[in-house]
């Protein structure tokens, strides 16, 4: 499995996640509905804590997506409208060893 680079942008109302893979760019936008933090469970004690982060959702073409975004990671849960399967994608933040090539569409003239 090869790593995938995501870029995350927000204006405080929406979140946009860009994916650059095989020289093709794709993006998904989410509406923020909660920005006062997200819950997580501590590994050591099992206690629940609230950390800085946002939650957002997207409903496109009958597919509901829920985004949980923090400084450390994001979790994307997808609920297809005509399926009984739920897909959960989880990504962690890493600092690349080499600069990530910026897509042509984002370069300033």
PDB file of N, CA and C in Angstrom:
ATOM      1  N   UNK A   1       0.855  -1.174   0.000  1.00  0.00           N
ATOM      2  CA  UNK A   1       0.000   0.000   0.000  1.00  0.00           C
ATOM      3  C   UNK A   1       0.896   1.231   0.000  1.00  0.00           C
ATOM      4  N   UNK A   2       0.656   2.120  -0.951  1.00  0.00           N
ATOM      5  CA  UNK A   2       1.466   3.329  -1.017  1.00  0.00           C
ATOM      6  C   UNK A   2       0.750   4.475  -0.293  1.00  0.00           C
ATOM      7  N   UNK A   3       1.522   5.406   0.252  1.00  0.00           N
ATOM      8  CA  UNK A   3       0.899   6.547   0.942  1.00  0.00           C
ATOM      9  C   UNK A   3       0.153   7.450  -0.036  1.00  0.00           C
ATOM     10  N   UNK A   4      -0.895   8.081   0.455  1.00  0.00           N
ATOM     11  CA  UNK A   4      -1.684   9.019  -0.335  1.00  0.00           C
ATOM     12  C   UNK A   4      -1.604  10.372   0.355  1.00  0.00           C
ATOM     13  N   UNK A   5      -1.363  11.407  -0.421  1.00  0.00           N
ATOM     14  CA  UNK A   5      -1.262  12.758   0.137  1.00  0.00           C
ATOM     15  C   UNK A   5      -2.595  13.478  -0.004  1.00  0.00           C
ATOM     16  N   UNK A   6      -3.091  14.000   1.105  1.00  0.00           N
ATOM     17  CA  UNK A   6      -4.295  14.812   1.137  1.00  0.00           C
ATOM     18  C   UNK A   6      -3.906  16.218   1.558  1.00  0.00           C
ATOM     19  N   UNK A   7      -4.607  17.197   1.045  1.00  0.00           N
ATOM     20  CA  UNK A   7      -4.480  18.571   1.530  1.00  0.00           C
ATOM     21  C   UNK A   7      -5.845  18.979   2.031  1.00  0.00           C
ATOM     22  N   UNK A   8      -5.878  19.618   3.189  1.00  0.00           N
ATOM     23  CA  UNK A   8      -7.136  20.006   3.815  1.00  0.00           C
ATOM     24  C   UNK A   8      -7.169  21.518   3.944  1.00  0.00           C
ATOM     25  N   UNK A   9      -8.275  22.116   3.470  1.00  0.00           N
ATOM     26  CA  UNK A   9      -8.477  23.560   3.528  1.00  0.00           C
ATOM     27  C   UNK A   9      -9.806  23.845   4.216  1.00  0.00           C
ATOM     28  N   UNK A  10      -9.882  24.978   4.917  1.00  0.00           N
ATOM     29  CA  UNK A  10     -11.156  25.382   5.495  1.00  0.00           C
ATOM     30  C   UNK A  10     -11.270  26.902   5.506  1.00  0.00           C
ATOM     31  N   UNK A  11     -12.514  27.371   5.402  1.00  0.00           N
ATOM     32  CA  UNK A  11     -12.802  28.790   5.532  1.00  0.00           C
ATOM     33  C   UNK A  11     -13.621  29.044   6.800  1.00  0.00           C
ATOM     34  N   UNK A  12     -13.755  28.030   7.636  1.00  0.00           N
ATOM     35  CA  UNK A  12     -14.528  28.148   8.865  1.00  0.00           C
ATOM     36  C   UNK A  12     -15.972  27.691   8.708  1.00  0.00           C
ATOM     37  N   UNK A  13     -16.447  27.591   7.479  1.00  0.00           N
ATOM     38  CA  UNK A  13     -17.812  27.128   7.212  1.00  0.00           C
ATOM     39  C   UNK A  13     -17.811  25.777   6.498  1.00  0.00           C
ATOM     40  N   UNK A  14     -16.837  25.599   5.632  1.00  0.00           N
ATOM     41  CA  UNK A  14     -16.711  24.346   4.892  1.00  0.00           C
ATOM     42  C   UNK A  14     -15.280  23.827   5.003  1.00  0.00           C
ATOM     43  N   UNK A  15     -15.116  22.534   4.738  1.00  0.00           N
ATOM     44  CA  UNK A  15     -13.804  21.902   4.688  1.00  0.00           C
ATOM     45  C   UNK A  15     -13.679  21.290   3.303  1.00  0.00           C
ATOM     46  N   UNK A  16     -12.538  21.456   2.694  1.00  0.00           N
ATOM     47  CA  UNK A  16     -12.289  20.859   1.379  1.00  0.00           C
ATOM     48  C   UNK A  16     -11.068  19.956   1.508  1.00  0.00           C
ATOM     49  N   UNK A  17     -11.232  18.719   1.072  1.00  0.00           N
ATOM     50  CA  UNK A  17     -10.128  17.767   1.090  1.00  0.00           C
ATOM     51  C   UNK A  17      -9.738  17.477  -0.351  1.00  0.00           C
ATOM     52  N   UNK A  18      -8.480  17.774  -0.682  1.00  0.00           N
ATOM     53  CA  UNK A  18      -7.959  17.521  -2.022  1.00  0.00           C
ATOM     54  C   UNK A  18      -7.090  16.267  -1.980  1.00  0.00           C
ATOM     55  N   UNK A  19      -7.212  15.469  -3.005  1.00  0.00           N
ATOM     56  CA  UNK A  19      -6.418  14.256  -3.162  1.00  0.00           C
ATOM     57  C   UNK A  19      -5.685  14.355  -4.478  1.00  0.00           C
ATOM     58  N   UNK A  20      -4.386  14.161  -4.434  1.00  0.00           N
ATOM     59  CA  UNK A  20      -3.579  14.176  -5.652  1.00  0.00           C
ATOM     60  C   UNK A  20      -2.989  12.792  -5.814  1.00  0.00           C
ATOM     61  N   UNK A  21      -3.426  12.074  -6.867  1.00  0.00           N
ATOM     62  CA  UNK A  21      -2.939  10.723  -7.092  1.00  0.00           C
ATOM     63  C   UNK A  21      -2.791  10.487  -8.586  1.00  0.00           C
ATOM     64  N   UNK A  22      -1.636   9.965  -8.975  1.00  0.00           N
ATOM     65  CA  UNK A  22      -1.363   9.661 -10.376  1.00  0.00           C
ATOM     66  C   UNK A  22      -1.621  10.869 -11.279  1.00  0.00           C
ATOM     67  N   UNK A  23      -1.157  12.045 -10.833  1.00  0.00           N
ATOM     68  CA  UNK A  23      -1.295  13.288 -11.595  1.00  0.00           C
ATOM     69  C   UNK A  23      -2.741  13.733 -11.810  1.00  0.00           C
ATOM     70  N   UNK A  24      -3.685  13.137 -11.106  1.00  0.00           N
ATOM     71  CA  UNK A  24      -5.083  13.541 -11.190  1.00  0.00           C
ATOM     72  C   UNK A  24      -5.486  14.113  -9.841  1.00  0.00           C
ATOM     73  N   UNK A  25      -6.289  15.169  -9.887  1.00  0.00           N
ATOM     74  CA  UNK A  25      -6.720  15.827  -8.652  1.00  0.00           C
ATOM     75  C   UNK A  25      -8.222  15.627  -8.468  1.00  0.00           C
ATOM     76  N   UNK A  26      -8.600  15.294  -7.237  1.00  0.00           N
ATOM     77  CA  UNK A  26     -10.014  15.159  -6.892  1.00  0.00           C
ATOM     78  C   UNK A  26     -10.233  15.863  -5.560  1.00  0.00           C
ATOM     79  N   UNK A  27     -11.452  16.318  -5.313  1.00  0.00           N
ATOM     80  CA  UNK A  27     -11.730  16.965  -4.037  1.00  0.00           C
ATOM     81  C   UNK A  27     -13.160  16.665  -3.585  1.00  0.00           C
ATOM     82  N   UNK A  28     -13.363  16.795  -2.291  1.00  0.00           N
ATOM     83  CA  UNK A  28     -14.679  16.662  -1.679  1.00  0.00           C
ATOM     84  C   UNK A  28     -14.844  17.798  -0.694  1.00  0.00           C
ATOM     85  N   UNK A  29     -16.030  18.410  -0.655  1.00  0.00           N
ATOM     86  CA  UNK A  29     -16.316  19.491   0.289  1.00  0.00           C
ATOM     87  C   UNK A  29     -17.315  19.015   1.332  1.00  0.00           C
ATOM     88  N   UNK A  30     -17.150  19.505   2.552  1.00  0.00           N
ATOM     89  CA  UNK A  30     -17.996  19.150   3.687  1.00  0.00           C
ATOM     90  C   UNK A  30     -18.464  20.423   4.379  1.00  0.00           C
ATOM     91  N   UNK A  31     -19.680  20.410   4.905  1.00  0.00           N
ATOM     92  CA  UNK A  31     -20.184  21.530   5.698  1.00  0.00           C
ATOM     93  C   UNK A  31     -19.890  21.262   7.170  1.00  0.00           C
ATOM     94  N   UNK A  32     -19.242  22.226   7.827  1.00  0.00           N
ATOM     95  CA  UNK A  32     -18.907  22.082   9.242  1.00  0.00           C
ATOM     96  C   UNK A  32     -20.181  22.262  10.073  1.00  0.00           C
ATOM     97  N   UNK A  33     -20.442  21.320  10.968  1.00  0.00           N
ATOM     98  CA  UNK A  33     -21.590  21.472  11.863  1.00  0.00           C
ATOM     99  C   UNK A  33     -21.173  21.512  13.325  1.00  0.00           C
ATOM    100  N   UNK A  34     -19.912  21.210  13.604  1.00  0.00           N
ATOM    101  CA  UNK A  34     -19.432  21.305  14.981  1.00  0.00           C
ATOM    102  C   UNK A  34     -17.946  21.624  14.961  1.00  0.00           C
ATOM    103  N   UNK A  35     -17.578  22.707  15.657  1.00  0.00           N
ATOM    104  CA  UNK A  35     -16.174  23.115  15.649  1.00  0.00           C
ATOM    105  C   UNK A  35     -15.609  23.308  17.051  1.00  0.00           C
ATOM    106  N   UNK A  36     -16.311  22.776  18.048  1.00  0.00           N
ATOM    107  CA  UNK A  36     -15.852  22.955  19.430  1.00  0.00           C
ATOM    108  C   UNK A  36     -15.062  21.759  19.953  1.00  0.00           C
ATOM    109  N   UNK A  37     -14.610  20.903  19.068  1.00  0.00           N
ATOM    110  CA  UNK A  37     -13.776  19.776  19.466  1.00  0.00           C
ATOM    111  C   UNK A  37     -14.412  18.443  19.127  1.00  0.00           C
ATOM    112  N   UNK A  38     -13.599  17.389  19.239  1.00  0.00           N
ATOM    113  CA  UNK A  38     -14.067  16.030  18.995  1.00  0.00           C
ATOM    114  C   UNK A  38     -13.638  15.155  20.166  1.00  0.00           C
ATOM    115  N   UNK A  39     -14.374  14.112  20.384  1.00  0.00           N
ATOM    116  CA  UNK A  39     -14.071  13.197  21.492  1.00  0.00           C
ATOM    117  C   UNK A  39     -13.132  12.101  21.032  1.00  0.00           C
ATOM    118  N   UNK A  40     -12.300  11.652  21.940  1.00  0.00           N
ATOM    119  CA  UNK A  40     -11.477  10.474  21.692  1.00  0.00           C
ATOM    120  C   UNK A  40     -11.260   9.760  23.017  1.00  0.00           C
ATOM    121  N   UNK A  41     -10.923   8.501  22.934  1.00  0.00           N
ATOM    122  CA  UNK A  41     -10.714   7.694  24.127  1.00  0.00           C
ATOM    123  C   UNK A  41      -9.223   7.517  24.350  1.00  0.00           C
ATOM    124  N   UNK A  42      -8.773   7.796  25.555  1.00  0.00           N
ATOM    125  CA  UNK A  42      -7.358   7.635  25.874  1.00  0.00           C
ATOM    126  C   UNK A  42      -6.995   6.156  25.887  1.00  0.00           C
ATOM    127  N   UNK A  43      -5.820   5.847  25.348  1.00  0.00           N
ATOM    128  CA  UNK A  43      -5.389   4.449  25.295  1.00  0.00           C
ATOM    129  C   UNK A  43      -5.079   3.896  26.683  1.00  0.00           C
ATOM    130  N   UNK A  44      -4.443   4.699  27.510  1.00  0.00           N
ATOM    131  CA  UNK A  44      -3.981   4.221  28.812  1.00  0.00           C
ATOM    132  C   UNK A  44      -5.135   3.896  29.761  1.00  0.00           C
ATOM    133  N   UNK A  45      -6.019   4.872  29.943  1.00  0.00           N
ATOM    134  CA  UNK A  45      -7.056   4.739  30.974  1.00  0.00           C
ATOM    135  C   UNK A  45      -8.452   4.454  30.426  1.00  0.00           C
ATOM    136  N   UNK A  46      -8.636   4.701  29.138  1.00  0.00           N
ATOM    137  CA  UNK A  46      -9.963   4.500  28.562  1.00  0.00           C
ATOM    138  C   UNK A  46     -10.890   5.686  28.774  1.00  0.00           C
ATOM    139  N   UNK A  47     -10.385   6.744  29.413  1.00  0.00           N
ATOM    140  CA  UNK A  47     -11.204   7.931  29.676  1.00  0.00           C
ATOM    141  C   UNK A  47     -11.475   8.678  28.375  1.00  0.00           C
ATOM    142  N   UNK A  48     -12.639   9.304  28.292  1.00  0.00           N
ATOM    143  CA  UNK A  48     -13.007  10.112  27.133  1.00  0.00           C
ATOM    144  C   UNK A  48     -12.526  11.545  27.355  1.00  0.00           C
ATOM    145  N   UNK A  49     -11.914  12.130  26.333  1.00  0.00           N
ATOM    146  CA  UNK A  49     -11.479  13.515  26.404  1.00  0.00           C
ATOM    147  C   UNK A  49     -11.888  14.233  25.127  1.00  0.00           C
ATOM    148  N   UNK A  50     -11.999  15.555  25.210  1.00  0.00           N
ATOM    149  CA  UNK A  50     -12.325  16.377  24.050  1.00  0.00           C
ATOM    150  C   UNK A  50     -11.056  17.104  23.632  1.00  0.00           C
ATOM    151  N   UNK A  51     -10.719  16.969  22.334  1.00  0.00           N
ATOM    152  CA  UNK A  51      -9.536  17.636  21.800  1.00  0.00           C
ATOM    153  C   UNK A  51      -9.977  18.598  20.700  1.00  0.00           C
ATOM    154  N   UNK A  52      -9.155  19.618  20.377  1.00  0.00           N
ATOM    155  CA  UNK A  52      -9.527  20.550  19.311  1.00  0.00           C
ATOM    156  C   UNK A  52      -9.742  19.819  17.986  1.00  0.00           C
ATOM    157  N   UNK A  53     -10.816  20.186  17.301  1.00  0.00           N
ATOM    158  CA  UNK A  53     -11.109  19.575  16.017  1.00  0.00           C
ATOM    159  C   UNK A  53     -12.491  19.963  15.542  1.00  0.00           C
ATOM    160  N   UNK A  54     -12.845  19.477  14.369  1.00  0.00           N
ATOM    161  CA  UNK A  54     -14.152  19.789  13.793  1.00  0.00           C
ATOM    162  C   UNK A  54     -14.829  18.522  13.303  1.00  0.00           C
ATOM    163  N   UNK A  55     -16.141  18.627  13.145  1.00  0.00           N
ATOM    164  CA  UNK A  55     -16.923  17.570  12.525  1.00  0.00           C
ATOM    165  C   UNK A  55     -17.718  18.218  11.399  1.00  0.00           C
ATOM    166  N   UNK A  56     -17.807  17.506  10.281  1.00  0.00           N
ATOM    167  CA  UNK A  56     -18.484  18.044   9.110  1.00  0.00           C
ATOM    168  C   UNK A  56     -19.163  16.901   8.373  1.00  0.00           C
ATOM    169  N   UNK A  57     -20.100  17.272   7.498  1.00  0.00           N
ATOM    170  CA  UNK A  57     -20.811  16.242   6.734  1.00  0.00           C
ATOM    171  C   UNK A  57     -21.002  16.677   5.290  1.00  0.00           C
ATOM    172  N   UNK A  58     -21.256  15.669   4.456  1.00  0.00           N
ATOM    173  CA  UNK A  58     -21.508  15.884   3.041  1.00  0.00           C
ATOM    174  C   UNK A  58     -22.546  14.868   2.607  1.00  0.00           C
ATOM    175  N   UNK A  59     -23.540  15.309   1.828  1.00  0.00           N
ATOM    176  CA  UNK A  59     -24.541  14.401   1.289  1.00  0.00           C
ATOM    177  C   UNK A  59     -24.626  14.661  -0.211  1.00  0.00           C
ATOM    178  N   UNK A  60     -23.926  13.840  -0.969  1.00  0.00           N
ATOM    179  CA  UNK A  60     -23.846  14.015  -2.412  1.00  0.00           C
ATOM    180  C   UNK A  60     -24.279  12.736  -3.116  1.00  0.00           C
ATOM    181  N   UNK A  61     -25.237  12.856  -3.992  1.00  0.00           N
ATOM    182  CA  UNK A  61     -25.687  11.706  -4.772  1.00  0.00           C
ATOM    183  C   UNK A  61     -26.225  10.574  -3.927  1.00  0.00           C
ATOM    184  N   UNK A  62     -26.817  10.883  -2.791  1.00  0.00           N
ATOM    185  CA  UNK A  62     -27.371   9.856  -1.924  1.00  0.00           C
ATOM    186  C   UNK A  62     -26.362   9.194  -1.007  1.00  0.00           C
ATOM    187  N   UNK A  63     -25.107   9.632  -1.048  1.00  0.00           N
ATOM    188  CA  UNK A  63     -24.070   9.088  -0.176  1.00  0.00           C
ATOM    189  C   UNK A  63     -23.776  10.095   0.925  1.00  0.00           C
ATOM    190  N   UNK A  64     -23.968   9.689   2.173  1.00  0.00           N
ATOM    191  CA  UNK A  64     -23.690  10.542   3.328  1.00  0.00           C
ATOM    192  C   UNK A  64     -22.270  10.270   3.805  1.00  0.00           C
ATOM    193  N   UNK A  65     -21.512  11.357   3.987  1.00  0.00           N
ATOM    194  CA  UNK A  65     -20.142  11.245   4.505  1.00  0.00           C
ATOM    195  C   UNK A  65     -20.018  12.093   5.759  1.00  0.00           C
ATOM    196  N   UNK A  66     -19.346  11.536   6.759  1.00  0.00           N
ATOM    197  CA  UNK A  66     -19.085  12.249   8.009  1.00  0.00           C
ATOM    198  C   UNK A  66     -17.579  12.376   8.164  1.00  0.00           C
ATOM    199  N   UNK A  67     -17.102  13.591   8.469  1.00  0.00           N
ATOM    200  CA  UNK A  67     -15.682  13.872   8.622  1.00  0.00           C
ATOM    201  C   UNK A  67     -15.391  14.273  10.053  1.00  0.00           C
ATOM    202  N   UNK A  68     -14.393  13.658  10.637  1.00  0.00           N
ATOM    203  CA  UNK A  68     -13.881  14.015  11.968  1.00  0.00           C
ATOM    204  C   UNK A  68     -12.430  14.416  11.746  1.00  0.00           C
ATOM    205  N   UNK A  69     -12.104  15.688  11.988  1.00  0.00           N
ATOM    206  CA  UNK A  69     -10.794  16.229  11.639  1.00  0.00           C
ATOM    207  C   UNK A  69     -10.135  16.866  12.850  1.00  0.00           C
ATOM    208  N   UNK A  70      -8.890  16.437  13.136  1.00  0.00           N
ATOM    209  CA  UNK A  70      -8.076  17.054  14.176  1.00  0.00           C
ATOM    210  C   UNK A  70      -6.711  17.380  13.571  1.00  0.00           C
ATOM    211  N   UNK A  71      -5.862  17.989  14.375  1.00  0.00           N
ATOM    212  CA  UNK A  71      -4.506  18.305  13.917  1.00  0.00           C
ATOM    213  C   UNK A  71      -3.725  17.029  13.610  1.00  0.00           C
ATOM    214  N   UNK A  72      -4.050  15.951  14.315  1.00  0.00           N
ATOM    215  CA  UNK A  72      -3.303  14.699  14.191  1.00  0.00           C
ATOM    216  C   UNK A  72      -3.825  13.751  13.120  1.00  0.00           C
ATOM    217  N   UNK A  73      -5.140  13.802  12.833  1.00  0.00           N
ATOM    218  CA  UNK A  73      -5.702  12.799  11.929  1.00  0.00           C
ATOM    219  C   UNK A  73      -7.061  13.225  11.399  1.00  0.00           C
ATOM    220  N   UNK A  74      -7.552  12.456  10.441  1.00  0.00           N
ATOM    221  CA  UNK A  74      -8.944  12.594  10.061  1.00  0.00           C
ATOM    222  C   UNK A  74      -9.545  11.225   9.828  1.00  0.00           C
ATOM    223  N   UNK A  75     -10.832  11.133  10.126  1.00  0.00           N
ATOM    224  CA  UNK A  75     -11.588   9.913   9.921  1.00  0.00           C
ATOM    225  C   UNK A  75     -12.783  10.260   9.054  1.00  0.00           C
ATOM    226  N   UNK A  76     -12.954   9.515   7.987  1.00  0.00           N
ATOM    227  CA  UNK A  76     -14.047   9.737   7.061  1.00  0.00           C
ATOM    228  C   UNK A  76     -14.916   8.489   7.055  1.00  0.00           C
ATOM    229  N   UNK A  77     -16.182   8.640   7.427  1.00  0.00           N
ATOM    230  CA  UNK A  77     -17.126   7.533   7.440  1.00  0.00           C
ATOM    231  C   UNK A  77     -18.123   7.762   6.317  1.00  0.00           C
ATOM    232  N   UNK A  78     -18.278   6.761   5.459  1.00  0.00           N
ATOM    233  CA  UNK A  78     -19.143   6.864   4.287  1.00  0.00           C
ATOM    234  C   UNK A  78     -20.302   5.887   4.413  1.00  0.00           C
ATOM    235  N   UNK A  79     -21.526   6.411   4.242  1.00  0.00           N
ATOM    236  CA  UNK A  79     -22.749   5.619   4.302  1.00  0.00           C
ATOM    237  C   UNK A  79     -23.430   5.678   2.931  1.00  0.00           C
ATOM    238  N   UNK A  80     -23.188   4.682   2.048  1.00  0.00           N
ATOM    239  CA  UNK A  80     -23.861   4.682   0.748  1.00  0.00           C
ATOM    240  C   UNK A  80     -25.373   4.542   0.920  1.00  0.00           C
ATOM    241  N   UNK A  81     -26.130   5.249   0.098  1.00  0.00           N
ATOM    242  CA  UNK A  81     -27.579   5.261   0.225  1.00  0.00           C
ATOM    243  C   UNK A  81     -28.258   3.952  -0.105  1.00  0.00           C
ATOM    244  N   UNK A  82     -27.708   3.178  -1.020  1.00  0.00           N
ATOM    245  CA  UNK A  82     -28.366   1.939  -1.442  1.00  0.00           C
ATOM    246  C   UNK A  82     -27.546   0.707  -1.069  1.00  0.00           C
ATOM    247  N   UNK A  83     -26.818   0.777   0.016  1.00  0.00           N
ATOM    248  CA  UNK A  83     -25.989  -0.341   0.438  1.00  0.00           C
ATOM    249  C   UNK A  83     -26.085  -0.500   1.951  1.00  0.00           C
ATOM    250  N   UNK A  84     -25.829  -1.694   2.420  1.00  0.00           N
ATOM    251  CA  UNK A  84     -25.810  -1.918   3.863  1.00  0.00           C
ATOM    252  C   UNK A  84     -24.380  -1.913   4.406  1.00  0.00           C
ATOM    253  N   UNK A  85     -23.422  -1.454   3.598  1.00  0.00           N
ATOM    254  CA  UNK A  85     -22.027  -1.415   4.026  1.00  0.00           C
ATOM    255  C   UNK A  85     -21.601   0.014   4.336  1.00  0.00           C
ATOM    256  N   UNK A  86     -20.821   0.148   5.398  1.00  0.00           N
ATOM    257  CA  UNK A  86     -20.267   1.434   5.794  1.00  0.00           C
ATOM    258  C   UNK A  86     -18.753   1.358   5.623  1.00  0.00           C
ATOM    259  N   UNK A  87     -18.168   2.401   5.055  1.00  0.00           N
ATOM    260  CA  UNK A  87     -16.720   2.439   4.857  1.00  0.00           C
ATOM    261  C   UNK A  87     -16.116   3.477   5.787  1.00  0.00           C
ATOM    262  N   UNK A  88     -15.078   3.087   6.526  1.00  0.00           N
ATOM    263  CA  UNK A  88     -14.384   4.009   7.421  1.00  0.00           C
ATOM    264  C   UNK A  88     -12.943   4.131   6.953  1.00  0.00           C
ATOM    265  N   UNK A  89     -12.535   5.361   6.638  1.00  0.00           N
ATOM    266  CA  UNK A  89     -11.163   5.643   6.217  1.00  0.00           C
ATOM    267  C   UNK A  89     -10.514   6.495   7.287  1.00  0.00           C
ATOM    268  N   UNK A  90      -9.295   6.146   7.658  1.00  0.00           N
ATOM    269  CA  UNK A  90      -8.590   6.882   8.703  1.00  0.00           C
ATOM    270  C   UNK A  90      -7.207   7.249   8.194  1.00  0.00           C
ATOM    271  N   UNK A  91      -6.821   8.495   8.375  1.00  0.00           N
ATOM    272  CA  UNK A  91      -5.504   8.960   7.946  1.00  0.00           C
ATOM    273  C   UNK A  91      -4.851   9.719   9.094  1.00  0.00           C
ATOM    274  N   UNK A  92      -3.544   9.574   9.204  1.00  0.00           N
ATOM    275  CA  UNK A  92      -2.808  10.315  10.221  1.00  0.00           C
ATOM    276  C   UNK A  92      -1.930  11.355   9.555  1.00  0.00           C
ATOM    277  N   UNK A  93      -1.661  12.425  10.271  1.00  0.00           N
ATOM    278  CA  UNK A  93      -0.824  13.501   9.735  1.00  0.00           C
ATOM    279  C   UNK A  93       0.638  13.108   9.865  1.00  0.00           C
ATOM    280  N   UNK A  94       1.381  13.299   8.787  1.00  0.00           N
ATOM    281  CA  UNK A  94       2.823  13.052   8.793  1.00  0.00           C
ATOM    282  C   UNK A  94       3.503  14.205   8.085  1.00  0.00           C
ATOM    283  N   UNK A  95       4.734  14.410   8.428  1.00  0.00           N
ATOM    284  CA  UNK A  95       5.525  15.444   7.753  1.00  0.00           C
ATOM    285  C   UNK A  95       6.321  14.747   6.662  1.00  0.00           C
ATOM    286  N   UNK A  96       6.095  15.118   5.392  1.00  0.00           N
ATOM    287  CA  UNK A  96       6.805  14.438   4.301  1.00  0.00           C
ATOM    288  C   UNK A  96       8.295  14.727   4.331  1.00  0.00           C
ATOM    289  N   UNK A  97       9.094  13.739   3.918  1.00  0.00           N
ATOM    290  CA  UNK A  97      10.547  13.919   3.846  1.00  0.00           C
ATOM    291  C   UNK A  97      10.923  14.846   2.705  1.00  0.00           C
ATOM    292  N   UNK A  98      10.122  14.783   1.628  1.00  0.00           N
ATOM    293  CA  UNK A  98      10.335  15.641   0.465  1.00  0.00           C
ATOM    294  C   UNK A  98       9.096  16.496   0.277  1.00  0.00           C
ATOM    295  N   UNK A  99       9.251  17.709  -0.233  1.00  0.00           N
ATOM    296  CA  UNK A  99       8.067  18.547  -0.482  1.00  0.00           C
ATOM    297  C   UNK A  99       7.107  17.845  -1.435  1.00  0.00           C
ATOM    298  N   UNK A 100       5.814  17.994  -1.176  1.00  0.00           N
ATOM    299  CA  UNK A 100       4.790  17.410  -2.034  1.00  0.00           C
ATOM    300  C   UNK A 100       4.614  18.309  -3.245  1.00  0.00           C
ATOM    301  N   UNK A 101       4.597  17.696  -4.427  1.00  0.00           N
ATOM    302  CA  UNK A 101       4.431  18.442  -5.673  1.00  0.00           C
ATOM    303  C   UNK A 101       3.048  19.080  -5.695  1.00  0.00           C
ATOM    304  N   UNK A 102       3.002  20.383  -5.889  1.00  0.00           N
ATOM    305  CA  UNK A 102       1.738  21.120  -5.920  1.00  0.00           C
ATOM    306  C   UNK A 102       1.071  20.959  -7.276  1.00  0.00           C
ATOM    307  N   UNK A 103      -0.227  20.636  -7.291  1.00  0.00           N
ATOM    308  CA  UNK A 103      -0.939  20.496  -8.571  1.00  0.00           C
ATOM    309  C   UNK A 103      -0.917  21.798  -9.362  1.00  0.00           C
ATOM    310  N   UNK A 104      -0.910  21.677 -10.683  1.00  0.00           N
ATOM    311  CA  UNK A 104      -0.891  22.842 -11.565  1.00  0.00           C
ATOM    312  C   UNK A 104      -2.054  23.792 -11.291  1.00  0.00           C
ATOM    313  N   UNK A 105      -3.232  23.244 -10.920  1.00  0.00           N
ATOM    314  CA  UNK A 105      -4.411  24.074 -10.705  1.00  0.00           C
ATOM    315  C   UNK A 105      -4.300  24.974  -9.481  1.00  0.00           C
ATOM    316  N   UNK A 106      -3.354  24.688  -8.567  1.00  0.00           N
ATOM    317  CA  UNK A 106      -3.215  25.493  -7.362  1.00  0.00           C
ATOM    318  C   UNK A 106      -2.062  26.472  -7.426  1.00  0.00           C
ATOM    319  N   UNK A 107      -1.243  26.420  -8.465  1.00  0.00           N
ATOM    320  CA  UNK A 107      -0.104  27.325  -8.583  1.00  0.00           C
ATOM    321  C   UNK A 107      -0.577  28.716  -8.932  1.00  0.00           C
ATOM    322  N   UNK A 108       0.039  29.694  -8.310  1.00  0.00           N
ATOM    323  CA  UNK A 108      -0.276  31.096  -8.564  1.00  0.00           C
ATOM    324  C   UNK A 108       0.479  31.571  -9.795  1.00  0.00           C
ATOM    325  N   UNK A 109      -0.147  32.381 -10.654  1.00  0.00           N
ATOM    326  CA  UNK A 109       0.555  32.864 -11.863  1.00  0.00           C
ATOM    327  C   UNK A 109       1.654  33.846 -11.524  1.00  0.00           C
TER     328      UNK A 109
END
